[in-house]
Amino acid sequence: MAVCDHEEQHHLAAEAAKANMPQEEDVARVSAVFKAISEPSRLKILFALRQGEMCVYHIVEAVGGTQSAVSHQLRILRDSRMIKARRDGQNIVYSLADEHVLAVLELVCTHLNCKI
């Protein structure tokens, strides 16, 4: 007796999925990135940085909150490689790590039909 009405088709799909599954380490890295961007204040920082690089003071101006809280969120985003930082005199200036970060944000917003 078949487990489902499409036993052969689903079995082949399951075998292909198993054969093409990323390594556990890569799954963990992807999961960590999604975890990092799932927090609303971090997501707002990423949306703000779409406009260009900014120092902490101006990121706080754009997203609200305290400098301490924003600095904490920036560290998490840096650790997840979603943003990068560079020194400009006495300031640290933050920007999106690369065009892939923007592409992820745009893809999700397109999927949800939201305006960014």
PDB file of N, CA and C in Angstrom:
ATOM      1  N   MET A   1       0.849  -1.186   0.000  1.00  0.00           N
ATOM      2  CA  MET A   1       0.000   0.000   0.000  1.00  0.00           C
ATOM      3  C   MET A   1       0.888   1.241   0.000  1.00  0.00           C
ATOM      4  N   ALA A   2       0.606   2.183  -0.867  1.00  0.00           N
ATOM      5  CA  ALA A   2       1.404   3.402  -1.013  1.00  0.00           C
ATOM      6  C   ALA A   2       1.160   4.338   0.177  1.00  0.00           C
ATOM      7  N   VAL A   3       2.197   5.099   0.505  1.00  0.00           N
ATOM      8  CA  VAL A   3       2.105   6.061   1.592  1.00  0.00           C
ATOM      9  C   VAL A   3       1.297   7.282   1.144  1.00  0.00           C
ATOM     10  N   CYS A   4       1.420   7.639  -0.118  1.00  0.00           N
ATOM     11  CA  CYS A   4       0.655   8.763  -0.653  1.00  0.00           C
ATOM     12  C   CYS A   4       0.297   8.486  -2.100  1.00  0.00           C
ATOM     13  N   ASP A   5      -0.498   9.357  -2.672  1.00  0.00           N
ATOM     14  CA  ASP A   5      -0.960   9.154  -4.049  1.00  0.00           C
ATOM     15  C   ASP A   5       0.128   9.394  -5.090  1.00  0.00           C
ATOM     16  N   HIS A   6       1.236  10.002  -4.695  1.00  0.00           N
ATOM     17  CA  HIS A   6       2.312  10.332  -5.630  1.00  0.00           C
ATOM     18  C   HIS A   6       3.631   9.738  -5.136  1.00  0.00           C
ATOM     19  N   GLU A   7       3.579   8.517  -4.702  1.00  0.00           N
ATOM     20  CA  GLU A   7       4.721   7.860  -4.052  1.00  0.00           C
ATOM     21  C   GLU A   7       6.007   7.973  -4.855  1.00  0.00           C
ATOM     22  N   GLU A   8       6.005   7.590  -6.099  1.00  0.00           N
ATOM     23  CA  GLU A   8       7.236   7.593  -6.896  1.00  0.00           C
ATOM     24  C   GLU A   8       7.764   9.013  -7.105  1.00  0.00           C
ATOM     25  N   GLN A   9       6.885   9.941  -7.475  1.00  0.00           N
ATOM     26  CA  GLN A   9       7.291  11.327  -7.707  1.00  0.00           C
ATOM     27  C   GLN A   9       7.855  11.942  -6.427  1.00  0.00           C
ATOM     28  N   HIS A  10       7.196  11.740  -5.306  1.00  0.00           N
ATOM     29  CA  HIS A  10       7.646  12.325  -4.043  1.00  0.00           C
ATOM     30  C   HIS A  10       8.927  11.662  -3.555  1.00  0.00           C
ATOM     31  N   HIS A  11       9.040  10.359  -3.790  1.00  0.00           N
ATOM     32  CA  HIS A  11      10.268   9.649  -3.408  1.00  0.00           C
ATOM     33  C   HIS A  11      11.460  10.207  -4.187  1.00  0.00           C
ATOM     34  N   LEU A  12      11.284  10.420  -5.479  1.00  0.00           N
ATOM     35  CA  LEU A  12      12.372  10.974  -6.299  1.00  0.00           C
ATOM     36  C   LEU A  12      12.732  12.393  -5.843  1.00  0.00           C
ATOM     37  N   ALA A  13      11.725  13.184  -5.519  1.00  0.00           N
ATOM     38  CA  ALA A  13      11.980  14.541  -5.028  1.00  0.00           C
ATOM     39  C   ALA A  13      12.726  14.500  -3.694  1.00  0.00           C
ATOM     40  N   ALA A  14      12.343  13.580  -2.819  1.00  0.00           N
ATOM     41  CA  ALA A  14      13.015  13.453  -1.521  1.00  0.00           C
ATOM     42  C   ALA A  14      14.459  13.010  -1.691  1.00  0.00           C
ATOM     43  N   GLU A  15      14.701  12.098  -2.584  1.00  0.00           N
ATOM     44  CA  GLU A  15      16.077  11.642  -2.853  1.00  0.00           C
ATOM     45  C   GLU A  15      16.923  12.777  -3.427  1.00  0.00           C
ATOM     46  N   ALA A  16      16.348  13.565  -4.344  1.00  0.00           N
ATOM     47  CA  ALA A  16      17.076  14.705  -4.914  1.00  0.00           C
ATOM     48  C   ALA A  16      17.356  15.750  -3.840  1.00  0.00           C
ATOM     49  N   ALA A  17      16.382  15.993  -2.972  1.00  0.00           N
ATOM     50  CA  ALA A  17      16.578  16.958  -1.884  1.00  0.00           C
ATOM     51  C   ALA A  17      17.701  16.493  -0.960  1.00  0.00           C
ATOM     52  N   LYS A  18      17.703  15.225  -0.625  1.00  0.00           N
ATOM     53  CA  LYS A  18      18.740  14.666   0.248  1.00  0.00           C
ATOM     54  C   LYS A  18      20.113  14.770  -0.405  1.00  0.00           C
ATOM     55  N   ALA A  19      20.191  14.467  -1.681  1.00  0.00           N
ATOM     56  CA  ALA A  19      21.477  14.505  -2.396  1.00  0.00           C
ATOM     57  C   ALA A  19      22.011  15.925  -2.542  1.00  0.00           C
ATOM     58  N   ASN A  20      21.117  16.897  -2.578  1.00  0.00           N
ATOM     59  CA  ASN A  20      21.520  18.286  -2.792  1.00  0.00           C
ATOM     60  C   ASN A  20      21.463  19.142  -1.530  1.00  0.00           C
ATOM     61  N   MET A  21      21.274  18.503  -0.384  1.00  0.00           N
ATOM     62  CA  MET A  21      21.183  19.244   0.874  1.00  0.00           C
ATOM     63  C   MET A  21      22.549  19.846   1.207  1.00  0.00           C
ATOM     64  N   PRO A  22      22.588  21.140   1.563  1.00  0.00           N
ATOM     65  CA  PRO A  22      23.867  21.751   1.963  1.00  0.00           C
ATOM     66  C   PRO A  22      24.436  21.064   3.207  1.00  0.00           C
ATOM     67  N   GLN A  23      25.720  21.229   3.416  1.00  0.00           N
ATOM     68  CA  GLN A  23      26.381  20.688   4.597  1.00  0.00           C
ATOM     69  C   GLN A  23      25.773  21.322   5.853  1.00  0.00           C
ATOM     70  N   GLU A  24      25.821  20.600   6.966  1.00  0.00           N
ATOM     71  CA  GLU A  24      25.261  21.103   8.226  1.00  0.00           C
ATOM     72  C   GLU A  24      25.841  22.467   8.601  1.00  0.00           C
ATOM     73  N   GLU A  25      27.136  22.646   8.384  1.00  0.00           N
ATOM     74  CA  GLU A  25      27.784  23.919   8.703  1.00  0.00           C
ATOM     75  C   GLU A  25      27.183  25.064   7.889  1.00  0.00           C
ATOM     76  N   ASP A  26      26.908  24.810   6.621  1.00  0.00           N
ATOM     77  CA  ASP A  26      26.314  25.845   5.774  1.00  0.00           C
ATOM     78  C   ASP A  26      24.871  26.132   6.178  1.00  0.00           C
ATOM     79  N   VAL A  27      24.120  25.092   6.539  1.00  0.00           N
ATOM     80  CA  VAL A  27      22.748  25.291   7.008  1.00  0.00           C
ATOM     81  C   VAL A  27      22.763  26.153   8.267  1.00  0.00           C
ATOM     82  N   ALA A  28      23.707  25.897   9.160  1.00  0.00           N
ATOM     83  CA  ALA A  28      23.818  26.684  10.397  1.00  0.00           C
ATOM     84  C   ALA A  28      24.163  28.137  10.091  1.00  0.00           C
ATOM     85  N   ARG A  29      25.045  28.373   9.126  1.00  0.00           N
ATOM     86  CA  ARG A  29      25.418  29.749   8.768  1.00  0.00           C
ATOM     87  C   ARG A  29      24.233  30.502   8.181  1.00  0.00           C
ATOM     88  N   VAL A  30      23.473  29.846   7.300  1.00  0.00           N
ATOM     89  CA  VAL A  30      22.292  30.486   6.711  1.00  0.00           C
ATOM     90  C   VAL A  30      21.267  30.779   7.799  1.00  0.00           C
ATOM     91  N   SER A  31      21.071  29.834   8.686  1.00  0.00           N
ATOM     92  CA  SER A  31      20.141  30.020   9.795  1.00  0.00           C
ATOM     93  C   SER A  31      20.543  31.212  10.660  1.00  0.00           C
ATOM     94  N   ALA A  32      21.838  31.352  10.924  1.00  0.00           N
ATOM     95  CA  ALA A  32      22.330  32.468  11.740  1.00  0.00           C
ATOM     96  C   ALA A  32      22.058  33.815  11.068  1.00  0.00           C
ATOM     97  N   VAL A  33      22.185  33.870   9.748  1.00  0.00           N
ATOM     98  CA  VAL A  33      21.893  35.117   9.026  1.00  0.00           C
ATOM     99  C   VAL A  33      20.412  35.454   9.147  1.00  0.00           C
ATOM    100  N   PHE A  34      19.543  34.470   8.939  1.00  0.00           N
ATOM    101  CA  PHE A  34      18.109  34.738   9.063  1.00  0.00           C
ATOM    102  C   PHE A  34      17.749  35.133  10.493  1.00  0.00           C
ATOM    103  N   LYS A  35      18.390  34.529  11.451  1.00  0.00           N
ATOM    104  CA  LYS A  35      18.157  34.904  12.848  1.00  0.00           C
ATOM    105  C   LYS A  35      18.583  36.359  13.075  1.00  0.00           C
ATOM    106  N   ALA A  36      19.712  36.748  12.512  1.00  0.00           N
ATOM    107  CA  ALA A  36      20.211  38.115  12.683  1.00  0.00           C
ATOM    108  C   ALA A  36      19.259  39.138  12.078  1.00  0.00           C
ATOM    109  N   ILE A  37      18.700  38.846  10.928  1.00  0.00           N
ATOM    110  CA  ILE A  37      17.839  39.848  10.285  1.00  0.00           C
ATOM    111  C   ILE A  37      16.385  39.730  10.718  1.00  0.00           C
ATOM    112  N   SER A  38      16.065  38.735  11.546  1.00  0.00           N
ATOM    113  CA  SER A  38      14.672  38.569  11.958  1.00  0.00           C
ATOM    114  C   SER A  38      14.261  39.529  13.068  1.00  0.00           C
ATOM    115  N   GLU A  39      15.197  40.171  13.712  1.00  0.00           N
ATOM    116  CA  GLU A  39      14.896  41.104  14.796  1.00  0.00           C
ATOM    117  C   GLU A  39      14.552  42.460  14.175  1.00  0.00           C
ATOM    118  N   PRO A  40      13.400  43.055  14.503  1.00  0.00           N
ATOM    119  CA  PRO A  40      12.945  44.271  13.820  1.00  0.00           C
ATOM    120  C   PRO A  40      13.936  45.435  13.830  1.00  0.00           C
ATOM    121  N   SER A  41      14.608  45.691  14.934  1.00  0.00           N
ATOM    122  CA  SER A  41      15.519  46.844  14.941  1.00  0.00           C
ATOM    123  C   SER A  41      16.721  46.600  14.026  1.00  0.00           C
ATOM    124  N   ARG A  42      17.180  45.369  13.919  1.00  0.00           N
ATOM    125  CA  ARG A  42      18.282  45.076  12.992  1.00  0.00           C
ATOM    126  C   ARG A  42      17.814  45.199  11.556  1.00  0.00           C
ATOM    127  N   LEU A  43      16.602  44.757  11.293  1.00  0.00           N
ATOM    128  CA  LEU A  43      16.053  44.882   9.946  1.00  0.00           C
ATOM    129  C   LEU A  43      15.913  46.352   9.558  1.00  0.00           C
ATOM    130  N   LYS A  44      15.480  47.194  10.490  1.00  0.00           N
ATOM    131  CA  LYS A  44      15.381  48.633  10.225  1.00  0.00           C
ATOM    132  C   LYS A  44      16.758  49.223   9.913  1.00  0.00           C
ATOM    133  N   ILE A  45      17.781  48.760  10.591  1.00  0.00           N
ATOM    134  CA  ILE A  45      19.141  49.240  10.307  1.00  0.00           C
ATOM    135  C   ILE A  45      19.528  48.878   8.876  1.00  0.00           C
ATOM    136  N   LEU A  46      19.229  47.653   8.468  1.00  0.00           N
ATOM    137  CA  LEU A  46      19.550  47.244   7.094  1.00  0.00           C
ATOM    138  C   LEU A  46      18.786  48.102   6.083  1.00  0.00           C
ATOM    139  N   PHE A  47      17.512  48.347   6.353  1.00  0.00           N
ATOM    140  CA  PHE A  47      16.734  49.210   5.449  1.00  0.00           C
ATOM    141  C   PHE A  47      17.333  50.618   5.401  1.00  0.00           C
ATOM    142  N   ALA A  48      17.767  51.124   6.539  1.00  0.00           N
ATOM    143  CA  ALA A  48      18.372  52.463   6.572  1.00  0.00           C
ATOM    144  C   ALA A  48      19.661  52.491   5.760  1.00  0.00           C
ATOM    145  N   LEU A  49      20.471  51.461   5.882  1.00  0.00           N
ATOM    146  CA  LEU A  49      21.762  51.441   5.186  1.00  0.00           C
ATOM    147  C   LEU A  49      21.627  51.242   3.676  1.00  0.00           C
ATOM    148  N   ARG A  50      20.420  50.958   3.205  1.00  0.00           N
ATOM    149  CA  ARG A  50      20.202  50.920   1.752  1.00  0.00           C
ATOM    150  C   ARG A  50      20.459  52.285   1.148  1.00  0.00           C
ATOM    151  N   GLN A  51      20.302  53.346   1.957  1.00  0.00           N
ATOM    152  CA  GLN A  51      20.473  54.707   1.464  1.00  0.00           C
ATOM    153  C   GLN A  51      21.938  55.109   1.359  1.00  0.00           C
ATOM    154  N   GLY A  52      22.815  54.309   1.923  1.00  0.00           N
ATOM    155  CA  GLY A  52      24.239  54.607   1.885  1.00  0.00           C
ATOM    156  C   GLY A  52      24.856  54.468   3.260  1.00  0.00           C
ATOM    157  N   GLU A  53      26.169  54.589   3.307  1.00  0.00           N
ATOM    158  CA  GLU A  53      26.858  54.402   4.577  1.00  0.00           C
ATOM    159  C   GLU A  53      26.534  55.519   5.560  1.00  0.00           C
ATOM    160  N   MET A  54      26.563  55.157   6.841  1.00  0.00           N
ATOM    161  CA  MET A  54      26.245  56.108   7.904  1.00  0.00           C
ATOM    162  C   MET A  54      27.033  55.761   9.158  1.00  0.00           C
ATOM    163  N   CYS A  55      27.257  56.785   9.982  1.00  0.00           N
ATOM    164  CA  CYS A  55      27.839  56.561  11.305  1.00  0.00           C
ATOM    165  C   CYS A  55      26.706  56.208  12.277  1.00  0.00           C
ATOM    166  N   VAL A  56      27.074  55.738  13.463  1.00  0.00           N
ATOM    167  CA  VAL A  56      26.083  55.322  14.457  1.00  0.00           C
ATOM    168  C   VAL A  56      25.090  56.451  14.756  1.00  0.00           C
ATOM    169  N   TYR A  57      25.588  57.662  14.913  1.00  0.00           N
ATOM    170  CA  TYR A  57      24.727  58.801  15.241  1.00  0.00           C
ATOM    171  C   TYR A  57      23.585  58.932  14.226  1.00  0.00           C
ATOM    172  N   HIS A  58      23.909  58.820  12.960  1.00  0.00           N
ATOM    173  CA  HIS A  58      22.882  58.995  11.922  1.00  0.00           C
ATOM    174  C   HIS A  58      22.018  57.748  11.757  1.00  0.00           C
ATOM    175  N   ILE A  59      22.558  56.591  12.079  1.00  0.00           N
ATOM    176  CA  ILE A  59      21.712  55.385  12.074  1.00  0.00           C
ATOM    177  C   ILE A  59      20.655  55.512  13.172  1.00  0.00           C
ATOM    178  N   VAL A  60      21.068  55.983  14.354  1.00  0.00           N
ATOM    179  CA  VAL A  60      20.111  56.214  15.449  1.00  0.00           C
ATOM    180  C   VAL A  60      19.046  57.210  14.995  1.00  0.00           C
ATOM    181  N   GLU A  61      19.465  58.265  14.325  1.00  0.00           N
ATOM    182  CA  GLU A  61      18.520  59.262  13.814  1.00  0.00           C
ATOM    183  C   GLU A  61      17.514  58.615  12.862  1.00  0.00           C
ATOM    184  N   ALA A  62      17.983  57.702  12.027  1.00  0.00           N
ATOM    185  CA  ALA A  62      17.127  57.075  11.014  1.00  0.00           C
ATOM    186  C   ALA A  62      16.172  56.040  11.608  1.00  0.00           C
ATOM    187  N   VAL A  63      16.642  55.251  12.580  1.00  0.00           N
ATOM    188  CA  VAL A  63      15.839  54.116  13.050  1.00  0.00           C
ATOM    189  C   VAL A  63      15.263  54.297  14.442  1.00  0.00           C
ATOM    190  N   GLY A  64      15.753  55.289  15.189  1.00  0.00           N
ATOM    191  CA  GLY A  64      15.288  55.480  16.553  1.00  0.00           C
ATOM    192  C   GLY A  64      16.067  54.609  17.524  1.00  0.00           C
ATOM    193  N   GLY A  65      15.726  54.721  18.779  1.00  0.00           N
ATOM    194  CA  GLY A  65      16.411  53.962  19.812  1.00  0.00           C
ATOM    195  C   GLY A  65      17.567  54.749  20.399  1.00  0.00           C
ATOM    196  N   THR A  66      18.376  54.055  21.173  1.00  0.00           N
ATOM    197  CA  THR A  66      19.539  54.686  21.795  1.00  0.00           C
ATOM    198  C   THR A  66      20.797  54.284  21.054  1.00  0.00           C
ATOM    199  N   GLN A  67      21.826  55.083  21.239  1.00  0.00           N
ATOM    200  CA  GLN A  67      23.096  54.754  20.592  1.00  0.00           C
ATOM    201  C   GLN A  67      23.620  53.413  21.092  1.00  0.00           C
ATOM    202  N   SER A  68      23.462  53.148  22.378  1.00  0.00           N
ATOM    203  CA  SER A  68      23.918  51.884  22.942  1.00  0.00           C
ATOM    204  C   SER A  68      23.205  50.696  22.308  1.00  0.00           C
ATOM    205  N   ALA A  69      21.889  50.801  22.194  1.00  0.00           N
ATOM    206  CA  ALA A  69      21.110  49.705  21.609  1.00  0.00           C
ATOM    207  C   ALA A  69      21.454  49.506  20.138  1.00  0.00           C
ATOM    208  N   VAL A  70      21.576  50.597  19.395  1.00  0.00           N
ATOM    209  CA  VAL A  70      21.915  50.492  17.977  1.00  0.00           C
ATOM    210  C   VAL A  70      23.316  49.914  17.807  1.00  0.00           C
ATOM    211  N   SER A  71      24.254  50.335  18.636  1.00  0.00           N
ATOM    212  CA  SER A  71      25.615  49.790  18.566  1.00  0.00           C
ATOM    213  C   SER A  71      25.616  48.282  18.796  1.00  0.00           C
ATOM    214  N   HIS A  72      24.796  47.832  19.735  1.00  0.00           N
ATOM    215  CA  HIS A  72      24.686  46.396  20.004  1.00  0.00           C
ATOM    216  C   HIS A  72      24.152  45.659  18.768  1.00  0.00           C
ATOM    217  N   GLN A  73      23.126  46.215  18.141  1.00  0.00           N
ATOM    218  CA  GLN A  73      22.554  45.581  16.954  1.00  0.00           C
ATOM    219  C   GLN A  73      23.533  45.606  15.780  1.00  0.00           C
ATOM    220  N   LEU A  74      24.298  46.670  15.673  1.00  0.00           N
ATOM    221  CA  LEU A  74      25.319  46.754  14.618  1.00  0.00           C
ATOM    222  C   LEU A  74      26.362  45.661  14.784  1.00  0.00           C
ATOM    223  N   ARG A  75      26.743  45.381  16.020  1.00  0.00           N
ATOM    224  CA  ARG A  75      27.728  44.325  16.259  1.00  0.00           C
ATOM    225  C   ARG A  75      27.190  42.969  15.789  1.00  0.00           C
ATOM    226  N   ILE A  76      25.941  42.701  16.073  1.00  0.00           N
ATOM    227  CA  ILE A  76      25.337  41.437  15.643  1.00  0.00           C
ATOM    228  C   ILE A  76      25.292  41.362  14.121  1.00  0.00           C
ATOM    229  N   LEU A  77      24.919  42.443  13.471  1.00  0.00           N
ATOM    230  CA  LEU A  77      24.879  42.460  12.006  1.00  0.00           C
ATOM    231  C   LEU A  77      26.270  42.307  11.403  1.00  0.00           C
ATOM    232  N   ARG A  78      27.272  42.900  12.043  1.00  0.00           N
ATOM    233  CA  ARG A  78      28.656  42.721  11.574  1.00  0.00           C
ATOM    234  C   ARG A  78      29.094  41.277  11.740  1.00  0.00           C
ATOM    235  N   ASP A  79      28.786  40.695  12.885  1.00  0.00           N
ATOM    236  CA  ASP A  79      29.163  39.298  13.141  1.00  0.00           C
ATOM    237  C   ASP A  79      28.529  38.343  12.136  1.00  0.00           C
ATOM    238  N   SER A  80      27.341  38.696  11.657  1.00  0.00           N
ATOM    239  CA  SER A  80      26.664  37.843  10.673  1.00  0.00           C
ATOM    240  C   SER A  80      27.043  38.206   9.235  1.00  0.00           C
ATOM    241  N   ARG A  81      27.955  39.161   9.097  1.00  0.00           N
ATOM    242  CA  ARG A  81      28.484  39.583   7.804  1.00  0.00           C
ATOM    243  C   ARG A  81      27.431  40.232   6.899  1.00  0.00           C
ATOM    244  N   MET A  82      26.408  40.832   7.516  1.00  0.00           N
ATOM    245  CA  MET A  82      25.387  41.543   6.751  1.00  0.00           C
ATOM    246  C   MET A  82      25.800  42.990   6.496  1.00  0.00           C
ATOM    247  N   ILE A  83      26.616  43.541   7.389  1.00  0.00           N
ATOM    248  CA  ILE A  83      27.128  44.901   7.215  1.00  0.00           C
ATOM    249  C   ILE A  83      28.642  44.884   7.403  1.00  0.00           C
ATOM    250  N   LYS A  84      29.260  45.962   6.978  1.00  0.00           N
ATOM    251  CA  LYS A  84      30.689  46.137   7.194  1.00  0.00           C
ATOM    252  C   LYS A  84      30.916  47.517   7.786  1.00  0.00           C
ATOM    253  N   ALA A  85      32.082  47.699   8.365  1.00  0.00           N
ATOM    254  CA  ALA A  85      32.409  48.966   9.016  1.00  0.00           C
ATOM    255  C   ALA A  85      33.803  49.388   8.583  1.00  0.00           C
ATOM    256  N   ARG A  86      33.993  50.704   8.548  1.00  0.00           N
ATOM    257  CA  ARG A  86      35.320  51.243   8.268  1.00  0.00           C
ATOM    258  C   ARG A  86      35.505  52.496   9.110  1.00  0.00           C
ATOM    259  N   ARG A  87      36.734  52.761   9.447  1.00  0.00           N
ATOM    260  CA  ARG A  87      37.047  53.952  10.232  1.00  0.00           C
ATOM    261  C   ARG A  87      37.189  55.138   9.292  1.00  0.00           C
ATOM    262  N   ASP A  88      36.578  56.251   9.683  1.00  0.00           N
ATOM    263  CA  ASP A  88      36.686  57.504   8.955  1.00  0.00           C
ATOM    264  C   ASP A  88      37.010  58.581   9.999  1.00  0.00           C
ATOM    265  N   GLY A  89      38.289  58.816  10.205  1.00  0.00           N
ATOM    266  CA  GLY A  89      38.707  59.725  11.273  1.00  0.00           C
ATOM    267  C   GLY A  89      38.381  59.100  12.614  1.00  0.00           C
ATOM    268  N   GLN A  90      37.596  59.806  13.425  1.00  0.00           N
ATOM    269  CA  GLN A  90      37.209  59.273  14.729  1.00  0.00           C
ATOM    270  C   GLN A  90      35.897  58.496  14.681  1.00  0.00           C
ATOM    271  N   ASN A  91      35.260  58.443  13.534  1.00  0.00           N
ATOM    272  CA  ASN A  91      33.976  57.751  13.391  1.00  0.00           C
ATOM    273  C   ASN A  91      34.152  56.379  12.769  1.00  0.00           C
ATOM    274  N   ILE A  92      33.228  55.492  13.102  1.00  0.00           N
ATOM    275  CA  ILE A  92      33.087  54.229  12.401  1.00  0.00           C
ATOM    276  C   ILE A  92      31.876  54.395  11.487  1.00  0.00           C
ATOM    277  N   VAL A  93      32.062  54.091  10.230  1.00  0.00           N
ATOM    278  CA  VAL A  93      31.006  54.244   9.238  1.00  0.00           C
ATOM    279  C   VAL A  93      30.558  52.847   8.801  1.00  0.00           C
ATOM    280  N   TYR A  94      29.243  52.633   8.776  1.00  0.00           N
ATOM    281  CA  TYR A  94      28.663  51.329   8.460  1.00  0.00           C
ATOM    282  C   TYR A  94      27.991  51.351   7.098  1.00  0.00           C
ATOM    283  N   SER A  95      28.010  50.205   6.437  1.00  0.00           N
ATOM    284  CA  SER A  95      27.327  50.054   5.152  1.00  0.00           C
ATOM    285  C   SER A  95      26.931  48.590   4.986  1.00  0.00           C
ATOM    286  N   LEU A  96      26.050  48.336   4.025  1.00  0.00           N
ATOM    287  CA  LEU A  96      25.698  46.953   3.710  1.00  0.00           C
ATOM    288  C   LEU A  96      26.949  46.232   3.231  1.00  0.00           C
ATOM    289  N   ALA A  97      27.052  44.967   3.561  1.00  0.00           N
ATOM    290  CA  ALA A  97      28.261  44.203   3.234  1.00  0.00           C
ATOM    291  C   ALA A  97      28.475  44.103   1.724  1.00  0.00           C
ATOM    292  N   ASP A  98      27.409  43.885   0.984  1.00  0.00           N
ATOM    293  CA  ASP A  98      27.512  43.793  -0.474  1.00  0.00           C
ATOM    294  C   ASP A  98      26.111  43.835  -1.075  1.00  0.00           C
ATOM    295  N   GLU A  99      26.024  43.725  -2.371  1.00  0.00           N
ATOM    296  CA  GLU A  99      24.738  43.843  -3.065  1.00  0.00           C
ATOM    297  C   GLU A  99      23.801  42.684  -2.751  1.00  0.00           C
ATOM    298  N   HIS A 100      24.328  41.569  -2.255  1.00  0.00           N
ATOM    299  CA  HIS A 100      23.481  40.424  -1.934  1.00  0.00           C
ATOM    300  C   HIS A 100      22.540  40.719  -0.772  1.00  0.00           C
ATOM    301  N   VAL A 101      22.992  41.520   0.179  1.00  0.00           N
ATOM    302  CA  VAL A 101      22.152  41.880   1.319  1.00  0.00           C
ATOM    303  C   VAL A 101      20.932  42.651   0.820  1.00  0.00           C
ATOM    304  N   LEU A 102      21.155  43.614  -0.037  1.00  0.00           N
ATOM    305  CA  LEU A 102      20.057  44.385  -0.618  1.00  0.00           C
ATOM    306  C   LEU A 102      19.144  43.472  -1.436  1.00  0.00           C
ATOM    307  N   ALA A 103      19.718  42.543  -2.165  1.00  0.00           N
ATOM    308  CA  ALA A 103      18.917  41.625  -2.976  1.00  0.00           C
ATOM    309  C   ALA A 103      17.997  40.774  -2.095  1.00  0.00           C
ATOM    310  N   VAL A 104      18.488  40.321  -0.949  1.00  0.00           N
ATOM    311  CA  VAL A 104      17.660  39.541  -0.027  1.00  0.00           C
ATOM    312  C   VAL A 104      16.495  40.384   0.471  1.00  0.00           C
ATOM    313  N   LEU A 105      16.777  41.621   0.893  1.00  0.00           N
ATOM    314  CA  LEU A 105      15.713  42.501   1.380  1.00  0.00           C
ATOM    315  C   LEU A 105      14.671  42.749   0.291  1.00  0.00           C
ATOM    316  N   GLU A 106      15.133  43.040  -0.915  1.00  0.00           N
ATOM    317  CA  GLU A 106      14.218  43.316  -2.020  1.00  0.00           C
ATOM    318  C   GLU A 106      13.399  42.078  -2.389  1.00  0.00           C
ATOM    319  N   LEU A 107      14.027  40.913  -2.364  1.00  0.00           N
ATOM    320  CA  LEU A 107      13.326  39.680  -2.709  1.00  0.00           C
ATOM    321  C   LEU A 107      12.207  39.387  -1.712  1.00  0.00           C
ATOM    322  N   VAL A 108      12.492  39.537  -0.429  1.00  0.00           N
ATOM    323  CA  VAL A 108      11.460  39.299   0.584  1.00  0.00           C
ATOM    324  C   VAL A 108      10.328  40.312   0.436  1.00  0.00           C
ATOM    325  N   CYS A 109      10.681  41.564   0.220  1.00  0.00           N
ATOM    326  CA  CYS A 109       9.652  42.595   0.071  1.00  0.00           C
ATOM    327  C   CYS A 109       8.831  42.366  -1.191  1.00  0.00           C
ATOM    328  N   THR A 110       9.429  41.898  -2.258  1.00  0.00           N
ATOM    329  CA  THR A 110       8.686  41.564  -3.462  1.00  0.00           C
ATOM    330  C   THR A 110       7.733  40.415  -3.184  1.00  0.00           C
ATOM    331  N   HIS A 111       8.221  39.405  -2.489  1.00  0.00           N
ATOM    332  CA  HIS A 111       7.394  38.252  -2.132  1.00  0.00           C
ATOM    333  C   HIS A 111       6.187  38.681  -1.310  1.00  0.00           C
ATOM    334  N   LEU A 112       6.390  39.608  -0.389  1.00  0.00           N
ATOM    335  CA  LEU A 112       5.318  40.064   0.498  1.00  0.00           C
ATOM    336  C   LEU A 112       4.525  41.239  -0.074  1.00  0.00           C
ATOM    337  N   ASN A 113       4.941  41.704  -1.246  1.00  0.00           N
ATOM    338  CA  ASN A 113       4.293  42.844  -1.896  1.00  0.00           C
ATOM    339  C   ASN A 113       4.298  44.078  -0.990  1.00  0.00           C
ATOM    340  N   CYS A 114       5.446  44.324  -0.347  1.00  0.00           N
ATOM    341  CA  CYS A 114       5.575  45.521   0.491  1.00  0.00           C
ATOM    342  C   CYS A 114       6.503  46.495  -0.195  1.00  0.00           C
ATOM    343  N   LYS A 115       6.386  47.733   0.174  1.00  0.00           N
ATOM    344  CA  LYS A 115       7.180  48.792  -0.437  1.00  0.00           C
ATOM    345  C   LYS A 115       8.418  49.039   0.415  1.00  0.00           C
ATOM    346  N   ILE A 116       9.567  49.066  -0.253  1.00  0.00           N
ATOM    347  CA  ILE A 116      10.799  49.435   0.463  1.00  0.00           C
ATOM    348  C   ILE A 116      11.459  50.601  -0.239  1.00  0.00           C
TER     349      ILE A 116
END
